[in-house]
Amino acid sequence: MTRRKPKPPSLDTRIRVVMAERGVRSITALSKLLRDIGVDISVPQLGRMIDGKTQYLRIDVLAGLVIVLDCRVGDLFSD
């Protein structure tokens, strides 16, 4: 009998909602805002993170999101 490896829990993000509330219309625009403060992340990688299709979050990106979106960490995730 083969045991299945449990799937890691996913985080439901509200990043797109916060982006819309702040007038950030695209992932490309968000990536530019992050790059402007020294946070380097590719557009595809940022998109996967926003859509919850990645298995990890980089702390520097999370901190950058809080800065450029002028929000708290908890604002970026669903309860």
N, C-alpha and C. Protein backbone atom coordinates (compact mmCIF):
# COMPACT_ATOMS: atom_id res chain seq x y z
N MET A 1 0.84 -1.17 0.00
CA MET A 1 0.00 0.00 0.00
C MET A 1 0.89 1.24 0.00
N THR A 2 0.62 2.11 -0.93
CA THR A 2 1.38 3.34 -1.04
C THR A 2 0.63 4.46 -0.34
N ARG A 3 1.35 5.13 0.53
CA ARG A 3 0.74 6.26 1.24
C ARG A 3 0.93 7.53 0.43
N ARG A 4 -0.14 8.27 0.33
CA ARG A 4 -0.05 9.55 -0.37
C ARG A 4 0.53 10.59 0.55
N LYS A 5 1.38 11.39 -0.01
CA LYS A 5 1.95 12.50 0.74
C LYS A 5 0.87 13.57 0.87
N PRO A 6 0.63 14.06 2.08
CA PRO A 6 -0.42 15.07 2.23
C PRO A 6 -0.08 16.33 1.45
N LYS A 7 -1.11 16.91 0.86
CA LYS A 7 -0.94 18.14 0.11
C LYS A 7 -0.79 19.29 1.11
N PRO A 8 0.21 20.17 0.89
CA PRO A 8 0.37 21.30 1.81
C PRO A 8 -0.85 22.21 1.75
N PRO A 9 -1.20 22.81 2.88
CA PRO A 9 -2.36 23.70 2.88
C PRO A 9 -2.10 24.91 1.99
N SER A 10 -3.14 25.40 1.38
CA SER A 10 -2.99 26.59 0.55
C SER A 10 -3.54 27.80 1.29
N LEU A 11 -3.00 28.93 0.94
CA LEU A 11 -3.48 30.18 1.52
C LEU A 11 -4.38 30.87 0.52
N ASP A 12 -5.52 31.31 0.97
CA ASP A 12 -6.41 32.08 0.11
C ASP A 12 -6.02 33.55 0.25
N THR A 13 -5.56 34.10 -0.85
CA THR A 13 -5.12 35.48 -0.79
C THR A 13 -6.20 36.44 -1.24
N ARG A 14 -6.09 37.65 -0.76
CA ARG A 14 -6.96 38.75 -1.14
C ARG A 14 -6.15 39.83 -1.85
N ILE A 15 -5.00 39.43 -2.36
CA ILE A 15 -4.09 40.42 -2.95
C ILE A 15 -4.75 41.14 -4.12
N ARG A 16 -5.46 40.40 -4.97
CA ARG A 16 -6.14 41.05 -6.11
C ARG A 16 -7.19 42.06 -5.63
N VAL A 17 -7.88 41.73 -4.55
CA VAL A 17 -8.88 42.64 -4.00
C VAL A 17 -8.20 43.91 -3.50
N VAL A 18 -7.12 43.75 -2.76
CA VAL A 18 -6.39 44.91 -2.24
C VAL A 18 -5.80 45.72 -3.39
N MET A 19 -5.30 45.04 -4.41
CA MET A 19 -4.79 45.75 -5.59
C MET A 19 -5.89 46.62 -6.18
N ALA A 20 -7.08 46.06 -6.36
CA ALA A 20 -8.19 46.81 -6.96
C ALA A 20 -8.58 48.00 -6.08
N GLU A 21 -8.60 47.78 -4.78
CA GLU A 21 -8.93 48.87 -3.86
C GLU A 21 -7.92 50.01 -3.94
N ARG A 22 -6.69 49.67 -4.28
CA ARG A 22 -5.62 50.68 -4.34
C ARG A 22 -5.38 51.20 -5.75
N GLY A 23 -6.16 50.72 -6.72
CA GLY A 23 -6.01 51.19 -8.09
C GLY A 23 -4.86 50.57 -8.86
N VAL A 24 -4.33 49.46 -8.38
CA VAL A 24 -3.27 48.75 -9.09
C VAL A 24 -3.97 47.75 -10.01
N ARG A 25 -3.90 48.00 -11.31
CA ARG A 25 -4.74 47.28 -12.26
C ARG A 25 -4.16 45.98 -12.79
N SER A 26 -2.88 45.73 -12.61
CA SER A 26 -2.31 44.51 -13.18
C SER A 26 -1.15 43.99 -12.34
N ILE A 27 -0.84 42.75 -12.57
CA ILE A 27 0.30 42.15 -11.89
C ILE A 27 1.59 42.81 -12.36
N THR A 28 1.62 43.19 -13.64
CA THR A 28 2.80 43.88 -14.17
C THR A 28 3.01 45.21 -13.44
N ALA A 29 1.94 45.95 -13.22
CA ALA A 29 2.04 47.22 -12.49
C ALA A 29 2.50 46.98 -11.05
N LEU A 30 1.97 45.93 -10.43
CA LEU A 30 2.38 45.60 -9.06
C LEU A 30 3.85 45.21 -9.03
N SER A 31 4.28 44.44 -10.02
CA SER A 31 5.69 44.03 -10.10
C SER A 31 6.60 45.26 -10.22
N LYS A 32 6.18 46.24 -11.00
CA LYS A 32 6.97 47.48 -11.15
C LYS A 32 7.05 48.23 -9.83
N LEU A 33 5.92 48.33 -9.12
CA LEU A 33 5.94 49.01 -7.82
C LEU A 33 6.90 48.30 -6.86
N LEU A 34 6.87 46.97 -6.87
CA LEU A 34 7.79 46.22 -6.00
C LEU A 34 9.23 46.45 -6.42
N ARG A 35 9.49 46.40 -7.72
CA ARG A 35 10.85 46.61 -8.22
C ARG A 35 11.36 48.00 -7.84
N ASP A 36 10.46 49.00 -7.86
CA ASP A 36 10.84 50.37 -7.50
C ASP A 36 11.33 50.50 -6.06
N ILE A 37 10.90 49.57 -5.18
CA ILE A 37 11.38 49.62 -3.79
C ILE A 37 12.44 48.55 -3.52
N GLY A 38 12.93 47.92 -4.59
CA GLY A 38 14.03 46.97 -4.45
C GLY A 38 13.64 45.52 -4.27
N VAL A 39 12.37 45.18 -4.50
CA VAL A 39 11.93 43.79 -4.39
C VAL A 39 11.84 43.22 -5.80
N ASP A 40 12.69 42.25 -6.09
CA ASP A 40 12.76 41.67 -7.43
C ASP A 40 12.00 40.36 -7.48
N ILE A 41 10.94 40.33 -8.29
CA ILE A 41 10.16 39.11 -8.50
C ILE A 41 9.61 39.18 -9.92
N SER A 42 9.64 38.06 -10.63
CA SER A 42 9.14 38.05 -12.00
C SER A 42 7.62 38.15 -12.00
N VAL A 43 7.09 38.63 -13.09
CA VAL A 43 5.64 38.75 -13.23
C VAL A 43 4.95 37.39 -13.12
N PRO A 44 5.46 36.34 -13.82
CA PRO A 44 4.81 35.03 -13.68
C PRO A 44 4.85 34.49 -12.24
N GLN A 45 5.98 34.67 -11.58
CA GLN A 45 6.10 34.19 -10.20
C GLN A 45 5.16 34.96 -9.28
N LEU A 46 5.06 36.26 -9.46
CA LEU A 46 4.15 37.07 -8.66
C LEU A 46 2.70 36.66 -8.92
N GLY A 47 2.38 36.39 -10.17
CA GLY A 47 1.04 35.94 -10.52
C GLY A 47 0.68 34.63 -9.84
N ARG A 48 1.62 33.68 -9.82
CA ARG A 48 1.37 32.40 -9.14
C ARG A 48 1.15 32.62 -7.65
N MET A 49 1.93 33.52 -7.07
CA MET A 49 1.78 33.79 -5.64
C MET A 49 0.41 34.41 -5.36
N ILE A 50 0.01 35.38 -6.16
CA ILE A 50 -1.27 36.05 -5.98
C ILE A 50 -2.43 35.08 -6.15
N ASP A 51 -2.30 34.14 -7.08
CA ASP A 51 -3.36 33.17 -7.35
C ASP A 51 -3.31 31.95 -6.44
N GLY A 52 -2.39 31.94 -5.48
CA GLY A 52 -2.30 30.83 -4.53
C GLY A 52 -1.77 29.55 -5.14
N LYS A 53 -0.97 29.67 -6.19
CA LYS A 53 -0.46 28.48 -6.87
C LYS A 53 1.03 28.26 -6.60
N THR A 54 1.50 28.77 -5.51
CA THR A 54 2.88 28.56 -5.11
C THR A 54 2.90 27.94 -3.73
N GLN A 55 3.97 27.26 -3.41
CA GLN A 55 4.04 26.56 -2.13
C GLN A 55 4.74 27.37 -1.04
N TYR A 56 5.25 28.52 -1.40
CA TYR A 56 5.93 29.34 -0.40
C TYR A 56 5.76 30.82 -0.71
N LEU A 57 5.94 31.62 0.30
CA LEU A 57 5.92 33.08 0.16
C LEU A 57 7.26 33.62 0.63
N ARG A 58 7.87 34.43 -0.18
CA ARG A 58 9.11 35.07 0.24
C ARG A 58 8.77 36.24 1.15
N ILE A 59 9.48 36.33 2.24
CA ILE A 59 9.24 37.40 3.22
C ILE A 59 9.47 38.77 2.60
N ASP A 60 10.49 38.91 1.76
CA ASP A 60 10.75 40.22 1.16
C ASP A 60 9.61 40.65 0.24
N VAL A 61 9.00 39.69 -0.46
CA VAL A 61 7.87 40.02 -1.33
C VAL A 61 6.65 40.39 -0.48
N LEU A 62 6.41 39.63 0.56
CA LEU A 62 5.29 39.93 1.46
C LEU A 62 5.45 41.32 2.07
N ALA A 63 6.64 41.62 2.55
CA ALA A 63 6.91 42.95 3.12
C ALA A 63 6.74 44.03 2.06
N GLY A 64 7.19 43.76 0.84
CA GLY A 64 7.03 44.71 -0.25
C GLY A 64 5.56 44.97 -0.58
N LEU A 65 4.77 43.91 -0.58
CA LEU A 65 3.34 44.07 -0.84
C LEU A 65 2.69 44.97 0.20
N VAL A 66 3.06 44.77 1.45
CA VAL A 66 2.52 45.60 2.53
C VAL A 66 2.89 47.07 2.30
N ILE A 67 4.10 47.31 1.86
CA ILE A 67 4.55 48.69 1.63
C ILE A 67 3.84 49.31 0.43
N VAL A 68 3.90 48.64 -0.74
CA VAL A 68 3.36 49.28 -1.95
C VAL A 68 1.84 49.33 -1.96
N LEU A 69 1.19 48.39 -1.27
CA LEU A 69 -0.28 48.41 -1.22
C LEU A 69 -0.80 49.14 0.01
N ASP A 70 0.13 49.61 0.85
CA ASP A 70 -0.21 50.37 2.05
C ASP A 70 -1.29 49.65 2.87
N CYS A 71 -0.94 48.43 3.27
CA CYS A 71 -1.90 47.60 4.02
C CYS A 71 -1.16 46.80 5.08
N ARG A 72 -1.90 46.00 5.80
CA ARG A 72 -1.31 45.09 6.79
C ARG A 72 -1.25 43.70 6.20
N VAL A 73 -0.40 42.87 6.72
CA VAL A 73 -0.26 41.49 6.23
C VAL A 73 -1.62 40.79 6.24
N GLY A 74 -2.38 40.95 7.30
CA GLY A 74 -3.68 40.29 7.41
C GLY A 74 -4.67 40.72 6.34
N ASP A 75 -4.48 41.90 5.77
CA ASP A 75 -5.37 42.37 4.70
C ASP A 75 -5.19 41.55 3.43
N LEU A 76 -4.05 40.89 3.30
CA LEU A 76 -3.71 40.16 2.06
C LEU A 76 -4.23 38.74 2.03
N PHE A 77 -4.78 38.26 3.15
CA PHE A 77 -5.21 36.86 3.24
C PHE A 77 -6.63 36.77 3.74
N SER A 78 -7.36 35.75 3.26
CA SER A 78 -8.72 35.49 3.72
C SER A 78 -8.68 34.78 5.06
N ASP A 79 -9.71 35.00 5.84
CA ASP A 79 -9.82 34.31 7.14
C ASP A 79 -10.20 32.87 6.94
